[in-house]
Amino acid sequence: MKNDFEEKMADIMIGEAVTALLNEDAAISWAALTDRLRSAIENTTDEDRVRAGLRAIEEVRREMQIRAGEKAGVASLTEQKLH
């Protein structure tokens, strides 16, 4: 049950971070998103939000690694000779 709560809270925090960046007319990037999430957990004393924020940062990092792997795979495919 607690994991469901943390997962939902992590999703909410990611949404809040993206919304804040959009409201500031800032560029949305993986780095900007993780920085915003890090800032959010540094400025709270709510343990649930801190745990959810850390989970959100981990989710963003995991997604970054997946995307980087996909790009590397595409790059290696384009470098391969067809015959």
PDB file of N, CA and C in Angstrom:
ATOM      1  N   MET A   1       0.823  -1.195   0.000  1.00  0.00           N
ATOM      2  CA  MET A   1       0.000   0.000   0.000  1.00  0.00           C
ATOM      3  C   MET A   1       0.867   1.259   0.000  1.00  0.00           C
ATOM      4  N   LYS A   2       1.908   1.234   0.819  1.00  0.00           N
ATOM      5  CA  LYS A   2       2.769   2.409   0.882  1.00  0.00           C
ATOM      6  C   LYS A   2       3.469   2.643  -0.454  1.00  0.00           C
ATOM      7  N   ASN A   3       3.859   1.552  -1.133  1.00  0.00           N
ATOM      8  CA  ASN A   3       4.503   1.701  -2.438  1.00  0.00           C
ATOM      9  C   ASN A   3       3.577   2.373  -3.437  1.00  0.00           C
ATOM     10  N   ASP A   4       2.302   2.023  -3.417  1.00  0.00           N
ATOM     11  CA  ASP A   4       1.342   2.670  -4.312  1.00  0.00           C
ATOM     12  C   ASP A   4       1.274   4.164  -4.026  1.00  0.00           C
ATOM     13  N   PHE A   5       1.251   4.514  -2.743  1.00  0.00           N
ATOM     14  CA  PHE A   5       1.204   5.918  -2.359  1.00  0.00           C
ATOM     15  C   PHE A   5       2.460   6.637  -2.835  1.00  0.00           C
ATOM     16  N   GLU A   6       3.629   6.030  -2.602  1.00  0.00           N
ATOM     17  CA  GLU A   6       4.891   6.649  -3.018  1.00  0.00           C
ATOM     18  C   GLU A   6       4.966   6.784  -4.535  1.00  0.00           C
ATOM     19  N   GLU A   7       4.477   5.765  -5.230  1.00  0.00           N
ATOM     20  CA  GLU A   7       4.491   5.823  -6.693  1.00  0.00           C
ATOM     21  C   GLU A   7       3.600   6.954  -7.201  1.00  0.00           C
ATOM     22  N   LYS A   8       2.415   7.069  -6.633  1.00  0.00           N
ATOM     23  CA  LYS A   8       1.511   8.151  -7.034  1.00  0.00           C
ATOM     24  C   LYS A   8       2.096   9.509  -6.678  1.00  0.00           C
ATOM     25  N   MET A   9       2.688   9.605  -5.489  1.00  0.00           N
ATOM     26  CA  MET A   9       3.289  10.867  -5.065  1.00  0.00           C
ATOM     27  C   MET A   9       4.482  11.218  -5.954  1.00  0.00           C
ATOM     28  N   ALA A  10       5.256  10.216  -6.359  1.00  0.00           N
ATOM     29  CA  ALA A  10       6.384  10.459  -7.264  1.00  0.00           C
ATOM     30  C   ALA A  10       5.881  11.002  -8.600  1.00  0.00           C
ATOM     31  N   ASP A  11       4.809  10.394  -9.117  1.00  0.00           N
ATOM     32  CA  ASP A  11       4.228  10.874 -10.371  1.00  0.00           C
ATOM     33  C   ASP A  11       3.715  12.305 -10.238  1.00  0.00           C
ATOM     34  N   ILE A  12       3.102  12.599  -9.104  1.00  0.00           N
ATOM     35  CA  ILE A  12       2.602  13.961  -8.851  1.00  0.00           C
ATOM     36  C   ILE A  12       3.763  14.941  -8.809  1.00  0.00           C
ATOM     37  N   MET A  13       4.848  14.550  -8.138  1.00  0.00           N
ATOM     38  CA  MET A  13       6.002  15.449  -8.032  1.00  0.00           C
ATOM     39  C   MET A  13       6.652  15.686  -9.393  1.00  0.00           C
ATOM     40  N   ILE A  14       6.701  14.654 -10.235  1.00  0.00           N
ATOM     41  CA  ILE A  14       7.228  14.841 -11.590  1.00  0.00           C
ATOM     42  C   ILE A  14       6.335  15.823 -12.343  1.00  0.00           C
ATOM     43  N   GLY A  15       5.025  15.650 -12.208  1.00  0.00           N
ATOM     44  CA  GLY A  15       4.080  16.566 -12.855  1.00  0.00           C
ATOM     45  C   GLY A  15       4.231  17.990 -12.362  1.00  0.00           C
ATOM     46  N   GLU A  16       4.421  18.151 -11.053  1.00  0.00           N
ATOM     47  CA  GLU A  16       4.617  19.496 -10.488  1.00  0.00           C
ATOM     48  C   GLU A  16       5.886  20.134 -11.028  1.00  0.00           C
ATOM     49  N   ALA A  17       6.948  19.335 -11.133  1.00  0.00           N
ATOM     50  CA  ALA A  17       8.223  19.861 -11.631  1.00  0.00           C
ATOM     51  C   ALA A  17       8.104  20.286 -13.091  1.00  0.00           C
ATOM     52  N   VAL A  18       7.457  19.466 -13.903  1.00  0.00           N
ATOM     53  CA  VAL A  18       7.275  19.801 -15.319  1.00  0.00           C
ATOM     54  C   VAL A  18       6.403  21.046 -15.453  1.00  0.00           C
ATOM     55  N   THR A  19       5.331  21.107 -14.674  1.00  0.00           N
ATOM     56  CA  THR A  19       4.437  22.266 -14.714  1.00  0.00           C
ATOM     57  C   THR A  19       5.183  23.540 -14.335  1.00  0.00           C
ATOM     58  N   ALA A  20       6.003  23.469 -13.298  1.00  0.00           N
ATOM     59  CA  ALA A  20       6.773  24.644 -12.875  1.00  0.00           C
ATOM     60  C   ALA A  20       7.722  25.091 -13.979  1.00  0.00           C
ATOM     61  N   LEU A  21       8.384  24.140 -14.629  1.00  0.00           N
ATOM     62  CA  LEU A  21       9.293  24.495 -15.726  1.00  0.00           C
ATOM     63  C   LEU A  21       8.538  25.133 -16.882  1.00  0.00           C
ATOM     64  N   LEU A  22       7.372  24.585 -17.199  1.00  0.00           N
ATOM     65  CA  LEU A  22       6.554  25.168 -18.268  1.00  0.00           C
ATOM     66  C   LEU A  22       6.089  26.571 -17.904  1.00  0.00           C
ATOM     67  N   ASN A  23       5.671  26.762 -16.654  1.00  0.00           N
ATOM     68  CA  ASN A  23       5.211  28.081 -16.210  1.00  0.00           C
ATOM     69  C   ASN A  23       6.321  29.124 -16.269  1.00  0.00           C
ATOM     70  N   GLU A  24       7.554  28.669 -16.080  1.00  0.00           N
ATOM     71  CA  GLU A  24       8.710  29.573 -16.138  1.00  0.00           C
ATOM     72  C   GLU A  24       9.216  29.738 -17.568  1.00  0.00           C
ATOM     73  N   ASP A  25       8.578  29.068 -18.506  1.00  0.00           N
ATOM     74  CA  ASP A  25       9.008  29.095 -19.901  1.00  0.00           C
ATOM     75  C   ASP A  25      10.433  28.567 -20.050  1.00  0.00           C
ATOM     76  N   ALA A  26      10.791  27.632 -19.173  1.00  0.00           N
ATOM     77  CA  ALA A  26      12.131  27.047 -19.177  1.00  0.00           C
ATOM     78  C   ALA A  26      12.149  25.837 -20.106  1.00  0.00           C
ATOM     79  N   ALA A  27      13.324  25.523 -20.578  1.00  0.00           N
ATOM     80  CA  ALA A  27      13.478  24.333 -21.409  1.00  0.00           C
ATOM     81  C   ALA A  27      13.286  23.094 -20.540  1.00  0.00           C
ATOM     82  N   ILE A  28      12.574  22.128 -21.086  1.00  0.00           N
ATOM     83  CA  ILE A  28      12.358  20.878 -20.365  1.00  0.00           C
ATOM     84  C   ILE A  28      13.456  19.910 -20.792  1.00  0.00           C
ATOM     85  N   SER A  29      14.232  19.465 -19.845  1.00  0.00           N
ATOM     86  CA  SER A  29      15.288  18.492 -20.124  1.00  0.00           C
ATOM     87  C   SER A  29      15.363  17.548 -18.935  1.00  0.00           C
ATOM     88  N   TRP A  30      16.069  16.430 -19.144  1.00  0.00           N
ATOM     89  CA  TRP A  30      16.240  15.494 -18.034  1.00  0.00           C
ATOM     90  C   TRP A  30      16.959  16.179 -16.877  1.00  0.00           C
ATOM     91  N   ALA A  31      17.976  16.957 -17.183  1.00  0.00           N
ATOM     92  CA  ALA A  31      18.747  17.635 -16.137  1.00  0.00           C
ATOM     93  C   ALA A  31      17.888  18.657 -15.395  1.00  0.00           C
ATOM     94  N   ALA A  32      17.103  19.438 -16.134  1.00  0.00           N
ATOM     95  CA  ALA A  32      16.246  20.436 -15.490  1.00  0.00           C
ATOM     96  C   ALA A  32      15.212  19.762 -14.599  1.00  0.00           C
ATOM     97  N   LEU A  33      14.688  18.639 -15.065  1.00  0.00           N
ATOM     98  CA  LEU A  33      13.693  17.922 -14.282  1.00  0.00           C
ATOM     99  C   LEU A  33      14.290  17.356 -13.001  1.00  0.00           C
ATOM    100  N   THR A  34      15.457  16.723 -13.084  1.00  0.00           N
ATOM    101  CA  THR A  34      16.079  16.181 -11.874  1.00  0.00           C
ATOM    102  C   THR A  34      16.498  17.290 -10.924  1.00  0.00           C
ATOM    103  N   ASP A  35      16.988  18.402 -11.461  1.00  0.00           N
ATOM    104  CA  ASP A  35      17.342  19.543 -10.602  1.00  0.00           C
ATOM    105  C   ASP A  35      16.125  20.065  -9.859  1.00  0.00           C
ATOM    106  N   ARG A  36      15.003  20.169 -10.568  1.00  0.00           N
ATOM    107  CA  ARG A  36      13.769  20.666  -9.954  1.00  0.00           C
ATOM    108  C   ARG A  36      13.284  19.717  -8.856  1.00  0.00           C
ATOM    109  N   LEU A  37      13.357  18.418  -9.127  1.00  0.00           N
ATOM    110  CA  LEU A  37      12.953  17.431  -8.120  1.00  0.00           C
ATOM    111  C   LEU A  37      13.878  17.463  -6.910  1.00  0.00           C
ATOM    112  N   ARG A  38      15.174  17.587  -7.159  1.00  0.00           N
ATOM    113  CA  ARG A  38      16.146  17.669  -6.064  1.00  0.00           C
ATOM    114  C   ARG A  38      15.855  18.897  -5.196  1.00  0.00           C
ATOM    115  N   SER A  39      15.563  19.998  -5.835  1.00  0.00           N
ATOM    116  CA  SER A  39      15.230  21.224  -5.112  1.00  0.00           C
ATOM    117  C   SER A  39      13.967  21.041  -4.277  1.00  0.00           C
ATOM    118  N   ALA A  40      12.989  20.342  -4.841  1.00  0.00           N
ATOM    119  CA  ALA A  40      11.726  20.119  -4.120  1.00  0.00           C
ATOM    120  C   ALA A  40      11.945  19.311  -2.852  1.00  0.00           C
ATOM    121  N   ILE A  41      12.811  18.299  -2.900  1.00  0.00           N
ATOM    122  CA  ILE A  41      13.009  17.498  -1.694  1.00  0.00           C
ATOM    123  C   ILE A  41      13.924  18.186  -0.692  1.00  0.00           C
ATOM    124  N   GLU A  42      14.768  19.079  -1.168  1.00  0.00           N
ATOM    125  CA  GLU A  42      15.626  19.832  -0.250  1.00  0.00           C
ATOM    126  C   GLU A  42      14.832  20.859   0.543  1.00  0.00           C
ATOM    127  N   ASN A  43      13.707  21.288  -0.015  1.00  0.00           N
ATOM    128  CA  ASN A  43      12.913  22.342   0.615  1.00  0.00           C
ATOM    129  C   ASN A  43      11.681  21.827   1.339  1.00  0.00           C
ATOM    130  N   THR A  44      11.662  20.546   1.702  1.00  0.00           N
ATOM    131  CA  THR A  44      10.515  20.015   2.425  1.00  0.00           C
ATOM    132  C   THR A  44      10.973  19.238   3.646  1.00  0.00           C
ATOM    133  N   THR A  45      10.120  19.201   4.636  1.00  0.00           N
ATOM    134  CA  THR A  45      10.390  18.397   5.833  1.00  0.00           C
ATOM    135  C   THR A  45       9.464  17.189   5.888  1.00  0.00           C
ATOM    136  N   ASP A  46       8.569  17.073   4.913  1.00  0.00           N
ATOM    137  CA  ASP A  46       7.624  15.961   4.843  1.00  0.00           C
ATOM    138  C   ASP A  46       8.359  14.709   4.363  1.00  0.00           C
ATOM    139  N   GLU A  47       8.487  13.715   5.239  1.00  0.00           N
ATOM    140  CA  GLU A  47       9.242  12.511   4.905  1.00  0.00           C
ATOM    141  C   GLU A  47       8.644  11.759   3.715  1.00  0.00           C
ATOM    142  N   ASP A  48       7.326  11.756   3.602  1.00  0.00           N
ATOM    143  CA  ASP A  48       6.685  11.084   2.468  1.00  0.00           C
ATOM    144  C   ASP A  48       7.062  11.744   1.150  1.00  0.00           C
ATOM    145  N   ARG A  49       7.103  13.081   1.140  1.00  0.00           N
ATOM    146  CA  ARG A  49       7.479  13.801  -0.085  1.00  0.00           C
ATOM    147  C   ARG A  49       8.957  13.587  -0.408  1.00  0.00           C
ATOM    148  N   VAL A  50       9.790  13.506   0.624  1.00  0.00           N
ATOM    149  CA  VAL A  50      11.213  13.253   0.384  1.00  0.00           C
ATOM    150  C   VAL A  50      11.395  11.880  -0.253  1.00  0.00           C
ATOM    151  N   ARG A  51      10.751  10.851   0.309  1.00  0.00           N
ATOM    152  CA  ARG A  51      10.859   9.502  -0.256  1.00  0.00           C
ATOM    153  C   ARG A  51      10.303   9.462  -1.681  1.00  0.00           C
ATOM    154  N   ALA A  52       9.167  10.110  -1.877  1.00  0.00           N
ATOM    155  CA  ALA A  52       8.563  10.134  -3.218  1.00  0.00           C
ATOM    156  C   ALA A  52       9.445  10.904  -4.192  1.00  0.00           C
ATOM    157  N   GLY A  53      10.043  11.988  -3.732  1.00  0.00           N
ATOM    158  CA  GLY A  53      10.944  12.764  -4.585  1.00  0.00           C
ATOM    159  C   GLY A  53      12.165  11.967  -4.989  1.00  0.00           C
ATOM    160  N   LEU A  54      12.716  11.218  -4.041  1.00  0.00           N
ATOM    161  CA  LEU A  54      13.866  10.366  -4.359  1.00  0.00           C
ATOM    162  C   LEU A  54      13.464   9.284  -5.353  1.00  0.00           C
ATOM    163  N   ARG A  55      12.275   8.753  -5.180  1.00  0.00           N
ATOM    164  CA  ARG A  55      11.771   7.751  -6.120  1.00  0.00           C
ATOM    165  C   ARG A  55      11.576   8.378  -7.509  1.00  0.00           C
ATOM    166  N   ALA A  56      11.060   9.598  -7.547  1.00  0.00           N
ATOM    167  CA  ALA A  56      10.853  10.288  -8.822  1.00  0.00           C
ATOM    168  C   ALA A  56      12.185  10.531  -9.522  1.00  0.00           C
ATOM    169  N   ILE A  57      13.182  10.953  -8.769  1.00  0.00           N
ATOM    170  CA  ILE A  57      14.513  11.172  -9.352  1.00  0.00           C
ATOM    171  C   ILE A  57      15.054   9.869  -9.918  1.00  0.00           C
ATOM    172  N   GLU A  58      14.880   8.784  -9.177  1.00  0.00           N
ATOM    173  CA  GLU A  58      15.343   7.478  -9.660  1.00  0.00           C
ATOM    174  C   GLU A  58      14.608   7.071 -10.935  1.00  0.00           C
ATOM    175  N   GLU A  59      13.307   7.328 -11.000  1.00  0.00           N
ATOM    176  CA  GLU A  59      12.539   7.015 -12.213  1.00  0.00           C
ATOM    177  C   GLU A  59      13.051   7.824 -13.403  1.00  0.00           C
ATOM    178  N   VAL A  60      13.334   9.093 -13.184  1.00  0.00           N
ATOM    179  CA  VAL A  60      13.831   9.952 -14.266  1.00  0.00           C
ATOM    180  C   VAL A  60      15.199   9.468 -14.719  1.00  0.00           C
ATOM    181  N   ARG A  61      16.076   9.131 -13.778  1.00  0.00           N
ATOM    182  CA  ARG A  61      17.406   8.630 -14.143  1.00  0.00           C
ATOM    183  C   ARG A  61      17.313   7.330 -14.927  1.00  0.00           C
ATOM    184  N   ARG A  62      16.426   6.442 -14.488  1.00  0.00           N
ATOM    185  CA  ARG A  62      16.246   5.168 -15.182  1.00  0.00           C
ATOM    186  C   ARG A  62      15.772   5.407 -16.622  1.00  0.00           C
ATOM    187  N   GLU A  63      14.829   6.329 -16.773  1.00  0.00           N
ATOM    188  CA  GLU A  63      14.328   6.658 -18.113  1.00  0.00           C
ATOM    189  C   GLU A  63      15.435   7.282 -18.969  1.00  0.00           C
ATOM    190  N   MET A  64      16.281   8.103 -18.356  1.00  0.00           N
ATOM    191  CA  MET A  64      17.402   8.701 -19.084  1.00  0.00           C
ATOM    192  C   MET A  64      18.322   7.607 -19.615  1.00  0.00           C
ATOM    193  N   GLN A  65      18.603   6.611 -18.784  1.00  0.00           N
ATOM    194  CA  GLN A  65      19.494   5.522 -19.190  1.00  0.00           C
ATOM    195  C   GLN A  65      18.872   4.702 -20.318  1.00  0.00           C
ATOM    196  N   ILE A  66      17.577   4.454 -20.228  1.00  0.00           N
ATOM    197  CA  ILE A  66      16.889   3.709 -21.280  1.00  0.00           C
ATOM    198  C   ILE A  66      16.981   4.472 -22.593  1.00  0.00           C
ATOM    199  N   ARG A  67      16.690   5.773 -22.530  1.00  0.00           N
ATOM    200  CA  ARG A  67      16.725   6.600 -23.760  1.00  0.00           C
ATOM    201  C   ARG A  67      18.130   6.665 -24.330  1.00  0.00           C
ATOM    202  N   ALA A  68      19.132   6.795 -23.452  1.00  0.00           N
ATOM    203  CA  ALA A  68      20.514   6.856 -23.924  1.00  0.00           C
ATOM    204  C   ALA A  68      20.901   5.542 -24.586  1.00  0.00           C
ATOM    205  N   GLY A  69      20.443   4.426 -24.034  1.00  0.00           N
ATOM    206  CA  GLY A  69      20.715   3.117 -24.624  1.00  0.00           C
ATOM    207  C   GLY A  69      20.059   2.960 -25.976  1.00  0.00           C
ATOM    208  N   GLU A  70      18.835   3.463 -26.100  1.00  0.00           N
ATOM    209  CA  GLU A  70      18.132   3.400 -27.383  1.00  0.00           C
ATOM    210  C   GLU A  70      18.866   4.215 -28.433  1.00  0.00           C
ATOM    211  N   LYS A  71      19.322   5.399 -28.060  1.00  0.00           N
ATOM    212  CA  LYS A  71      20.052   6.245 -29.014  1.00  0.00           C
ATOM    213  C   LYS A  71      21.361   5.592 -29.420  1.00  0.00           C
ATOM    214  N   ALA A  72      22.048   4.989 -28.459  1.00  0.00           N
ATOM    215  CA  ALA A  72      23.312   4.325 -28.764  1.00  0.00           C
ATOM    216  C   ALA A  72      23.059   3.148 -29.700  1.00  0.00           C
ATOM    217  N   GLY A  73      21.966   2.429 -29.485  1.00  0.00           N
ATOM    218  CA  GLY A  73      21.615   1.307 -30.357  1.00  0.00           C
ATOM    219  C   GLY A  73      21.325   1.768 -31.760  1.00  0.00           C
ATOM    220  N   VAL A  74      20.616   2.854 -31.905  1.00  0.00           N
ATOM    221  CA  VAL A  74      20.300   3.408 -33.225  1.00  0.00           C
ATOM    222  C   VAL A  74      21.575   3.885 -33.901  1.00  0.00           C
ATOM    223  N   ALA A  75      22.457   4.527 -33.139  1.00  0.00           N
ATOM    224  CA  ALA A  75      23.702   5.017 -33.720  1.00  0.00           C
ATOM    225  C   ALA A  75      24.559   3.862 -34.217  1.00  0.00           C
ATOM    226  N   SER A  76      24.617   2.780 -33.456  1.00  0.00           N
ATOM    227  CA  SER A  76      25.444   1.659 -33.897  1.00  0.00           C
ATOM    228  C   SER A  76      24.818   0.991 -35.119  1.00  0.00           C
ATOM    229  N   LEU A  77      23.495   0.981 -35.222  1.00  0.00           N
ATOM    230  CA  LEU A  77      22.844   0.414 -36.386  1.00  0.00           C
ATOM    231  C   LEU A  77      23.129   1.244 -37.637  1.00  0.00           C
ATOM    232  N   THR A  78      23.162   2.553 -37.488  1.00  0.00           N
ATOM    233  CA  THR A  78      23.408   3.412 -38.660  1.00  0.00           C
ATOM    234  C   THR A  78      24.859   3.320 -39.100  1.00  0.00           C
ATOM    235  N   GLU A  79      25.759   2.937 -38.177  1.00  0.00           N
ATOM    236  CA  GLU A  79      27.166   2.821 -38.529  1.00  0.00           C
ATOM    237  C   GLU A  79      27.475   1.481 -39.201  1.00  0.00           C
ATOM    238  N   GLN A  80      26.596   0.492 -39.008  1.00  0.00           N
ATOM    239  CA  GLN A  80      26.841  -0.822 -39.588  1.00  0.00           C
ATOM    240  C   GLN A  80      26.637  -0.782 -41.099  1.00  0.00           C
ATOM    241  N   LYS A  81      27.469  -1.526 -41.783  1.00  0.00           N
ATOM    242  CA  LYS A  81      27.325  -1.624 -43.242  1.00  0.00           C
ATOM    243  C   LYS A  81      26.249  -2.637 -43.557  1.00  0.00           C
ATOM    244  N   LEU A  82      25.480  -2.336 -44.574  1.00  0.00           N
ATOM    245  CA  LEU A  82      24.403  -3.220 -44.955  1.00  0.00           C
ATOM    246  C   LEU A  82      24.877  -4.425 -45.748  1.00  0.00           C
ATOM    247  N   HIS A  83      26.039  -4.335 -46.402  1.00  0.00           N
ATOM    248  CA  HIS A  83      26.576  -5.487 -47.106  1.00  0.00           C
ATOM    249  C   HIS A  83      28.053  -5.595 -46.909  1.00  0.00           C
TER     250      HIS A  83
END
